[in-house]
Amino acid sequence: MTKIECILRPGKLEDVKEAINRYGIHGMTVTQVMGCGLQKGRTEVYRGTEYSINLLPKVKIEMVVPDKDVDSIVALIIEAARTGEIGDGKIFTCRIDNAIRIRTGEKGEAAI
């Protein structure tokens, strides 16, 4: 099993969620987060005064999927989230040793 964690523009959440759901993955956790990457925020002007916003609002989607589906799901996320502009986000993957469904005690892929 692999955990996919992606940080995206908030406006792309629905597109990514729909793409993942069409693939057949319905279990995910979505969190509103703040962050910055290479763009290091942005500068804006309010009433003639310039100020910088260092941390931008983003959403983080976390899901655990079978290893065989990782490449397909990552490709779907990239396709759905890409705008071509700086700030499209990042995707991280890491191996998961086990998952346990608390309600039934199921383990491994049966629990995801």
N, C-alpha and C. Protein backbone atom coordinates (compact mmCIF):
# COMPACT_ATOMS: atom_id res chain seq x y z
N MET A 1 0.84 -1.18 0.00
CA MET A 1 0.00 0.00 0.00
C MET A 1 0.88 1.23 0.00
N THR A 2 0.36 2.28 -0.58
CA THR A 2 1.08 3.54 -0.68
C THR A 2 0.17 4.69 -0.26
N LYS A 3 0.73 5.61 0.49
CA LYS A 3 0.00 6.81 0.86
C LYS A 3 0.36 7.89 -0.15
N ILE A 4 -0.67 8.49 -0.76
CA ILE A 4 -0.48 9.61 -1.67
C ILE A 4 -0.95 10.85 -0.94
N GLU A 5 -0.07 11.82 -0.87
CA GLU A 5 -0.39 13.09 -0.22
C GLU A 5 -0.14 14.18 -1.26
N CYS A 6 -1.16 14.95 -1.58
CA CYS A 6 -0.96 16.02 -2.55
C CYS A 6 -1.45 17.34 -1.99
N ILE A 7 -0.73 18.38 -2.31
CA ILE A 7 -1.06 19.73 -1.88
C ILE A 7 -1.38 20.52 -3.15
N LEU A 8 -2.58 21.09 -3.19
CA LEU A 8 -3.12 21.67 -4.42
C LEU A 8 -3.70 23.05 -4.19
N ARG A 9 -4.00 23.70 -5.30
CA ARG A 9 -4.79 24.94 -5.24
C ARG A 9 -6.19 24.56 -4.78
N PRO A 10 -6.81 25.37 -3.90
CA PRO A 10 -8.17 25.05 -3.44
C PRO A 10 -9.17 24.94 -4.59
N GLY A 11 -9.00 25.73 -5.63
CA GLY A 11 -9.92 25.71 -6.76
C GLY A 11 -9.86 24.43 -7.58
N LYS A 12 -8.87 23.60 -7.36
CA LYS A 12 -8.72 22.35 -8.12
C LYS A 12 -9.21 21.13 -7.33
N LEU A 13 -9.66 21.34 -6.11
CA LEU A 13 -10.08 20.22 -5.27
C LEU A 13 -11.18 19.40 -5.94
N GLU A 14 -12.23 20.05 -6.42
CA GLU A 14 -13.35 19.30 -7.01
C GLU A 14 -12.92 18.52 -8.25
N ASP A 15 -12.07 19.13 -9.09
CA ASP A 15 -11.60 18.44 -10.29
C ASP A 15 -10.82 17.17 -9.92
N VAL A 16 -9.94 17.30 -8.93
CA VAL A 16 -9.13 16.15 -8.50
C VAL A 16 -10.01 15.10 -7.85
N LYS A 17 -10.92 15.53 -6.99
CA LYS A 17 -11.82 14.60 -6.31
C LYS A 17 -12.66 13.82 -7.32
N GLU A 18 -13.20 14.49 -8.32
CA GLU A 18 -13.99 13.81 -9.35
C GLU A 18 -13.15 12.80 -10.12
N ALA A 19 -11.93 13.17 -10.48
CA ALA A 19 -11.06 12.27 -11.24
C ALA A 19 -10.74 11.02 -10.42
N ILE A 20 -10.46 11.21 -9.14
CA ILE A 20 -10.12 10.07 -8.28
C ILE A 20 -11.35 9.20 -8.06
N ASN A 21 -12.50 9.81 -7.86
CA ASN A 21 -13.74 9.04 -7.67
C ASN A 21 -14.09 8.23 -8.92
N ARG A 22 -13.91 8.83 -10.11
CA ARG A 22 -14.18 8.09 -11.36
C ARG A 22 -13.28 6.87 -11.46
N TYR A 23 -12.07 6.97 -10.94
CA TYR A 23 -11.13 5.85 -10.97
C TYR A 23 -11.56 4.74 -10.01
N GLY A 24 -12.35 5.12 -9.00
CA GLY A 24 -12.83 4.12 -8.05
C GLY A 24 -12.27 4.26 -6.65
N ILE A 25 -11.56 5.33 -6.41
CA ILE A 25 -11.03 5.58 -5.06
C ILE A 25 -11.95 6.59 -4.38
N HIS A 26 -12.55 6.18 -3.26
CA HIS A 26 -13.49 7.06 -2.58
C HIS A 26 -13.02 7.49 -1.19
N GLY A 27 -12.03 6.81 -0.65
CA GLY A 27 -11.55 7.15 0.69
C GLY A 27 -10.42 8.16 0.61
N MET A 28 -10.63 9.30 1.22
CA MET A 28 -9.59 10.33 1.24
C MET A 28 -9.85 11.27 2.41
N THR A 29 -8.81 11.96 2.82
CA THR A 29 -8.93 12.99 3.84
C THR A 29 -8.49 14.30 3.22
N VAL A 30 -9.29 15.35 3.38
CA VAL A 30 -8.98 16.66 2.82
C VAL A 30 -8.83 17.66 3.96
N THR A 31 -7.74 18.40 3.93
CA THR A 31 -7.45 19.38 4.97
C THR A 31 -7.13 20.71 4.32
N GLN A 32 -7.65 21.80 4.88
CA GLN A 32 -7.26 23.13 4.42
C GLN A 32 -5.94 23.47 5.11
N VAL A 33 -4.95 23.85 4.32
CA VAL A 33 -3.62 24.16 4.86
C VAL A 33 -3.13 25.49 4.28
N MET A 34 -2.06 26.01 4.83
CA MET A 34 -1.40 27.20 4.31
C MET A 34 0.03 26.81 3.97
N GLY A 35 0.58 27.38 2.90
CA GLY A 35 1.94 27.05 2.57
C GLY A 35 2.47 27.86 1.41
N CYS A 36 3.74 27.66 1.13
CA CYS A 36 4.36 28.30 -0.03
C CYS A 36 5.47 27.38 -0.53
N GLY A 37 5.78 27.55 -1.79
CA GLY A 37 6.84 26.77 -2.40
C GLY A 37 7.84 27.71 -3.02
N LEU A 38 8.18 27.46 -4.26
CA LEU A 38 9.16 28.29 -4.94
C LEU A 38 8.72 29.73 -5.10
N GLN A 39 7.41 29.96 -5.21
CA GLN A 39 6.94 31.33 -5.44
C GLN A 39 7.06 32.17 -4.18
N LYS A 40 7.19 31.55 -3.02
CA LYS A 40 7.35 32.25 -1.74
C LYS A 40 6.26 33.28 -1.53
N GLY A 41 5.04 32.90 -1.80
CA GLY A 41 3.92 33.81 -1.59
C GLY A 41 3.79 34.78 -2.73
N ARG A 42 3.11 35.88 -2.49
CA ARG A 42 2.93 36.90 -3.52
C ARG A 42 2.87 38.28 -2.86
N THR A 43 3.08 39.32 -3.67
CA THR A 43 3.03 40.69 -3.19
C THR A 43 1.77 41.35 -3.74
N GLU A 44 1.05 42.06 -2.87
CA GLU A 44 -0.14 42.78 -3.30
C GLU A 44 -0.08 44.20 -2.79
N VAL A 45 -0.92 45.06 -3.34
CA VAL A 45 -0.97 46.46 -2.93
C VAL A 45 -2.37 46.74 -2.41
N TYR A 46 -2.46 47.32 -1.20
CA TYR A 46 -3.73 47.71 -0.62
C TYR A 46 -3.63 49.18 -0.22
N ARG A 47 -4.45 50.03 -0.85
CA ARG A 47 -4.46 51.47 -0.60
C ARG A 47 -3.07 52.08 -0.70
N GLY A 48 -2.35 51.66 -1.75
CA GLY A 48 -1.04 52.23 -2.02
C GLY A 48 0.10 51.63 -1.22
N THR A 49 -0.20 50.73 -0.31
CA THR A 49 0.84 50.11 0.50
C THR A 49 1.07 48.68 0.01
N GLU A 50 2.32 48.38 -0.30
CA GLU A 50 2.67 47.05 -0.77
C GLU A 50 2.89 46.12 0.42
N TYR A 51 2.34 44.94 0.37
CA TYR A 51 2.57 43.95 1.43
C TYR A 51 2.67 42.57 0.80
N SER A 52 3.35 41.68 1.51
CA SER A 52 3.52 40.34 0.96
C SER A 52 2.71 39.33 1.75
N ILE A 53 2.18 38.37 1.02
CA ILE A 53 1.47 37.25 1.63
C ILE A 53 2.37 36.05 1.46
N ASN A 54 2.98 35.61 2.55
CA ASN A 54 3.98 34.54 2.45
C ASN A 54 3.36 33.14 2.38
N LEU A 55 2.26 32.96 3.07
CA LEU A 55 1.63 31.65 3.07
C LEU A 55 0.29 31.74 2.33
N LEU A 56 0.12 30.88 1.36
CA LEU A 56 -1.09 30.90 0.54
C LEU A 56 -2.00 29.74 0.93
N PRO A 57 -3.31 29.92 0.81
CA PRO A 57 -4.22 28.82 1.13
C PRO A 57 -4.09 27.69 0.10
N LYS A 58 -4.03 26.49 0.61
CA LYS A 58 -3.94 25.27 -0.22
C LYS A 58 -4.85 24.22 0.40
N VAL A 59 -5.08 23.13 -0.31
CA VAL A 59 -5.75 21.97 0.27
C VAL A 59 -4.82 20.78 0.17
N LYS A 60 -4.89 19.93 1.18
CA LYS A 60 -4.07 18.71 1.18
C LYS A 60 -5.01 17.51 1.14
N ILE A 61 -4.79 16.64 0.17
CA ILE A 61 -5.57 15.40 0.04
C ILE A 61 -4.65 14.25 0.40
N GLU A 62 -5.11 13.39 1.30
CA GLU A 62 -4.34 12.20 1.69
C GLU A 62 -5.20 10.97 1.40
N MET A 63 -4.59 9.96 0.84
CA MET A 63 -5.29 8.70 0.59
C MET A 63 -4.28 7.56 0.59
N VAL A 64 -4.74 6.39 0.98
CA VAL A 64 -3.91 5.19 0.92
C VAL A 64 -4.52 4.29 -0.15
N VAL A 65 -3.70 3.87 -1.09
CA VAL A 65 -4.19 3.11 -2.24
C VAL A 65 -3.32 1.86 -2.44
N PRO A 66 -3.87 0.86 -3.14
CA PRO A 66 -3.04 -0.31 -3.48
C PRO A 66 -1.86 0.11 -4.37
N ASP A 67 -0.72 -0.56 -4.21
CA ASP A 67 0.50 -0.19 -4.96
C ASP A 67 0.27 -0.19 -6.47
N LYS A 68 -0.56 -1.13 -6.97
CA LYS A 68 -0.76 -1.23 -8.41
C LYS A 68 -1.45 0.00 -9.01
N ASP A 69 -2.13 0.80 -8.18
CA ASP A 69 -2.89 1.95 -8.67
C ASP A 69 -2.14 3.28 -8.54
N VAL A 70 -0.98 3.29 -7.92
CA VAL A 70 -0.30 4.55 -7.60
C VAL A 70 -0.01 5.38 -8.85
N ASP A 71 0.62 4.79 -9.84
CA ASP A 71 1.00 5.56 -11.03
C ASP A 71 -0.21 6.14 -11.74
N SER A 72 -1.28 5.35 -11.85
CA SER A 72 -2.49 5.84 -12.51
C SER A 72 -3.12 6.99 -11.74
N ILE A 73 -3.18 6.87 -10.44
CA ILE A 73 -3.81 7.92 -9.63
C ILE A 73 -2.96 9.18 -9.64
N VAL A 74 -1.66 9.04 -9.55
CA VAL A 74 -0.78 10.23 -9.62
C VAL A 74 -0.96 10.94 -10.97
N ALA A 75 -1.07 10.17 -12.05
CA ALA A 75 -1.27 10.78 -13.37
C ALA A 75 -2.61 11.51 -13.43
N LEU A 76 -3.66 10.93 -12.82
CA LEU A 76 -4.97 11.60 -12.79
C LEU A 76 -4.91 12.90 -12.01
N ILE A 77 -4.21 12.88 -10.88
CA ILE A 77 -4.09 14.09 -10.06
C ILE A 77 -3.36 15.18 -10.84
N ILE A 78 -2.27 14.82 -11.49
CA ILE A 78 -1.51 15.80 -12.26
C ILE A 78 -2.38 16.41 -13.36
N GLU A 79 -3.10 15.55 -14.07
CA GLU A 79 -3.95 16.04 -15.16
C GLU A 79 -5.05 16.97 -14.64
N ALA A 80 -5.66 16.62 -13.52
CA ALA A 80 -6.78 17.41 -13.00
C ALA A 80 -6.32 18.68 -12.30
N ALA A 81 -5.12 18.70 -11.73
CA ALA A 81 -4.68 19.83 -10.91
C ALA A 81 -3.82 20.83 -11.67
N ARG A 82 -3.31 20.45 -12.82
CA ARG A 82 -2.34 21.30 -13.51
C ARG A 82 -3.00 22.52 -14.16
N THR A 83 -2.42 23.69 -13.88
CA THR A 83 -2.80 24.92 -14.59
C THR A 83 -1.64 25.40 -15.45
N GLY A 84 -0.43 24.92 -15.15
CA GLY A 84 0.76 25.36 -15.85
C GLY A 84 1.42 26.56 -15.21
N GLU A 85 0.82 27.06 -14.12
CA GLU A 85 1.36 28.22 -13.41
C GLU A 85 2.09 27.76 -12.16
N ILE A 86 2.98 28.61 -11.68
CA ILE A 86 3.64 28.34 -10.40
C ILE A 86 2.58 28.25 -9.32
N GLY A 87 2.74 27.27 -8.42
CA GLY A 87 1.77 27.12 -7.33
C GLY A 87 0.76 26.02 -7.57
N ASP A 88 0.96 25.19 -8.60
CA ASP A 88 0.03 24.08 -8.84
C ASP A 88 0.09 23.04 -7.73
N GLY A 89 1.21 22.93 -7.02
CA GLY A 89 1.26 22.02 -5.88
C GLY A 89 2.29 20.92 -6.02
N LYS A 90 2.22 19.98 -5.09
CA LYS A 90 3.17 18.87 -5.03
C LYS A 90 2.42 17.58 -4.70
N ILE A 91 3.02 16.46 -5.09
CA ILE A 91 2.50 15.14 -4.75
C ILE A 91 3.63 14.37 -4.08
N PHE A 92 3.33 13.76 -2.94
CA PHE A 92 4.30 12.93 -2.23
C PHE A 92 3.71 11.53 -2.10
N THR A 93 4.57 10.52 -2.21
CA THR A 93 4.11 9.15 -1.98
C THR A 93 5.04 8.50 -0.98
N CYS A 94 4.47 7.62 -0.16
CA CYS A 94 5.31 6.86 0.79
C CYS A 94 4.65 5.51 1.05
N ARG A 95 5.46 4.53 1.33
CA ARG A 95 4.99 3.17 1.60
C ARG A 95 4.31 3.11 2.97
N ILE A 96 3.24 2.33 3.01
CA ILE A 96 2.51 2.10 4.25
C ILE A 96 2.62 0.62 4.58
N ASP A 97 3.03 0.31 5.79
CA ASP A 97 3.20 -1.09 6.20
C ASP A 97 1.87 -1.80 6.41
N ASN A 98 0.91 -1.10 6.99
CA ASN A 98 -0.35 -1.76 7.30
C ASN A 98 -1.43 -0.72 7.49
N ALA A 99 -2.67 -1.14 7.31
CA ALA A 99 -3.84 -0.32 7.62
C ALA A 99 -4.81 -1.22 8.38
N ILE A 100 -5.48 -0.66 9.35
CA ILE A 100 -6.42 -1.46 10.15
C ILE A 100 -7.73 -0.69 10.25
N ARG A 101 -8.82 -1.33 9.83
CA ARG A 101 -10.15 -0.72 9.97
C ARG A 101 -10.60 -0.96 11.41
N ILE A 102 -10.78 0.08 12.14
CA ILE A 102 -11.09 -0.02 13.57
C ILE A 102 -12.40 -0.78 13.79
N ARG A 103 -13.43 -0.49 12.96
CA ARG A 103 -14.76 -1.08 13.18
C ARG A 103 -14.75 -2.60 13.07
N THR A 104 -14.01 -3.14 12.06
CA THR A 104 -14.09 -4.58 11.80
C THR A 104 -12.81 -5.34 12.15
N GLY A 105 -11.71 -4.62 12.31
CA GLY A 105 -10.44 -5.27 12.58
C GLY A 105 -9.74 -5.75 11.32
N GLU A 106 -10.33 -5.47 10.12
CA GLU A 106 -9.69 -5.87 8.87
C GLU A 106 -8.33 -5.21 8.76
N LYS A 107 -7.40 -5.90 8.10
CA LYS A 107 -6.04 -5.37 7.97
C LYS A 107 -5.62 -5.36 6.50
N GLY A 108 -4.58 -4.59 6.22
CA GLY A 108 -4.01 -4.53 4.87
C GLY A 108 -4.94 -3.85 3.89
N GLU A 109 -4.88 -4.28 2.62
CA GLU A 109 -5.68 -3.63 1.57
C GLU A 109 -7.18 -3.79 1.81
N ALA A 110 -7.59 -4.80 2.55
CA ALA A 110 -9.01 -4.95 2.86
C ALA A 110 -9.52 -3.82 3.73
N ALA A 111 -8.61 -3.15 4.42
CA ALA A 111 -9.01 -2.07 5.33
C ALA A 111 -9.05 -0.70 4.67
N ILE A 112 -8.54 -0.60 3.43
CA ILE A 112 -8.54 0.73 2.80
C ILE A 112 -9.72 0.92 1.87
